[in-house]
């Protein structure tokens, strides 16, 4: 099985240790929608490395004095920025080249 940063593999106890947050804090952030771990067997939360990194970001913002409503807004704006950057990248890939190539058939190349 291939794992990447989005693969949910960490139980709440491990995610708690990796993020240096109390498990109850992780549950609260889940209820608020700040992080959305996958559910194993419909109950047990499984966190990905991306979730852990997001938890660390939330902890940093909180330590800087940002309240939970502010943290939600920051995360929403980051998600919107990422979405728009993806759209812009796609537009750049889809757009035909506007490069101008000059060619003069009468001019001979020197060897």
Protein backbone atom coordinates (compact mmCIF):
# COMPACT_ATOMS: atom_id res chain seq x y z
CA UNK A 1 0.00 0.00 0.00
CA UNK A 2 1.35 3.41 -1.00
CA UNK A 3 1.36 6.19 1.59
CA UNK A 4 1.55 9.91 1.00
CA UNK A 5 0.87 12.95 3.17
CA UNK A 6 -2.88 12.60 2.63
CA UNK A 7 -3.10 8.93 3.69
CA UNK A 8 -4.92 8.67 7.04
CA UNK A 9 -2.69 6.45 9.17
CA UNK A 10 -2.34 8.08 12.61
CA UNK A 11 -4.68 7.32 15.51
CA UNK A 12 -5.65 10.28 17.65
CA UNK A 13 -3.02 9.39 20.27
CA UNK A 14 -0.22 9.49 17.69
CA UNK A 15 -1.57 12.64 16.00
CA UNK A 16 -1.74 14.23 19.44
CA UNK A 17 1.93 13.47 20.07
CA UNK A 18 3.02 14.61 16.60
CA UNK A 19 1.11 17.88 16.86
CA UNK A 20 1.92 18.37 20.56
CA UNK A 21 -1.77 18.96 21.30
CA UNK A 22 -4.02 17.20 23.78
CA UNK A 23 -6.37 14.58 22.24
CA UNK A 24 -9.38 16.54 23.54
CA UNK A 25 -8.12 19.59 21.63
CA UNK A 26 -8.00 17.48 18.46
CA UNK A 27 -11.61 16.39 19.07
CA UNK A 28 -12.66 20.01 19.55
CA UNK A 29 -10.92 21.08 16.32
CA UNK A 30 -12.70 18.23 14.53
CA UNK A 31 -16.09 19.39 15.88
CA UNK A 32 -15.32 22.96 14.74
CA UNK A 33 -14.27 21.76 11.28
CA UNK A 34 -10.71 23.07 11.59
CA UNK A 35 -9.43 19.61 10.73
CA UNK A 36 -11.38 16.68 9.30
CA UNK A 37 -9.77 13.32 9.99
CA UNK A 38 -11.05 10.19 8.27
CA UNK A 39 -13.12 7.74 10.26
CA UNK A 40 -12.16 4.09 10.61
CA UNK A 41 -15.07 1.77 11.37
CA UNK A 42 -17.29 4.86 11.52
CA UNK A 43 -15.87 5.96 14.86
CA UNK A 44 -12.10 6.06 15.24
CA UNK A 45 -10.40 9.13 13.86
CA UNK A 46 -7.43 8.58 11.55
CA UNK A 47 -5.19 11.56 10.80
CA UNK A 48 -2.92 12.08 7.81
CA UNK A 49 0.40 13.91 7.90
CA UNK A 50 -1.39 16.82 6.19
CA UNK A 51 -3.84 16.85 9.13
CA UNK A 52 -0.94 16.87 11.59
CA UNK A 53 0.72 19.77 9.77
CA UNK A 54 -2.58 21.65 9.84
CA UNK A 55 -2.88 20.99 13.58
CA UNK A 56 0.60 22.44 14.06
CA UNK A 57 -0.40 25.51 12.04
CA UNK A 58 -3.51 25.93 14.18
CA UNK A 59 -1.39 25.63 17.35
CA UNK A 60 1.03 28.30 16.04
CA UNK A 61 -1.81 30.69 15.23
CA UNK A 62 -3.36 30.08 18.62
CA UNK A 63 -0.02 30.70 20.35
CA UNK A 64 0.19 34.03 18.48
CA UNK A 65 -3.14 35.04 20.01
CA UNK A 66 -5.49 34.33 17.11
CA UNK A 67 -8.87 33.09 18.35
CA UNK A 68 -10.65 30.07 16.85
CA UNK A 69 -12.90 32.21 14.62
CA UNK A 70 -9.80 33.97 13.28
CA UNK A 71 -8.06 30.64 12.73
CA UNK A 72 -11.09 29.37 10.78
CA UNK A 73 -10.94 32.49 8.59
CA UNK A 74 -7.19 32.14 7.98
CA UNK A 75 -7.64 28.50 6.95
CA UNK A 76 -10.55 29.43 4.65
CA UNK A 77 -8.46 32.14 2.98
CA UNK A 78 -5.52 29.76 2.55
CA UNK A 79 -7.82 27.18 0.94
CA UNK A 80 -9.24 29.83 -1.39
CA UNK A 81 -5.72 30.97 -2.32
CA UNK A 82 -4.69 27.40 -3.10
CA UNK A 83 -7.82 26.88 -5.22
CA UNK A 84 -7.19 30.07 -7.19
CA UNK A 85 -3.52 29.20 -7.70
CA UNK A 86 -4.61 25.83 -9.09
CA UNK A 87 -7.04 27.51 -11.48
CA UNK A 88 -4.36 29.96 -12.61
CA UNK A 89 -1.89 27.14 -13.23
CA UNK A 90 -4.50 25.28 -15.26
CA UNK A 91 -5.24 28.39 -17.33
CA UNK A 92 -1.54 28.85 -18.03
CA UNK A 93 -1.24 25.23 -19.17
CA UNK A 94 -4.33 25.44 -21.39
CA UNK A 95 -3.49 28.76 -23.02
CA UNK A 96 -1.86 28.50 -26.44
CA UNK A 97 1.61 29.97 -26.79
CA UNK A 98 1.83 33.59 -27.89
CA UNK A 99 5.51 33.32 -28.78
CA UNK A 100 6.47 35.05 -31.99
CA UNK A 101 8.84 33.14 -34.24
CA UNK A 102 10.47 34.98 -37.12
CA UNK A 103 11.61 33.08 -40.15
CA UNK A 104 13.03 34.42 -43.34
CA UNK A 105 13.14 31.78 -46.10
CA UNK A 106 15.52 33.90 -48.19
CA UNK A 107 18.18 34.06 -45.54
CA UNK A 108 20.69 31.26 -45.79
CA UNK A 109 22.40 29.74 -42.81
CA UNK A 110 26.14 29.92 -42.75
CA UNK A 111 27.86 26.65 -42.02
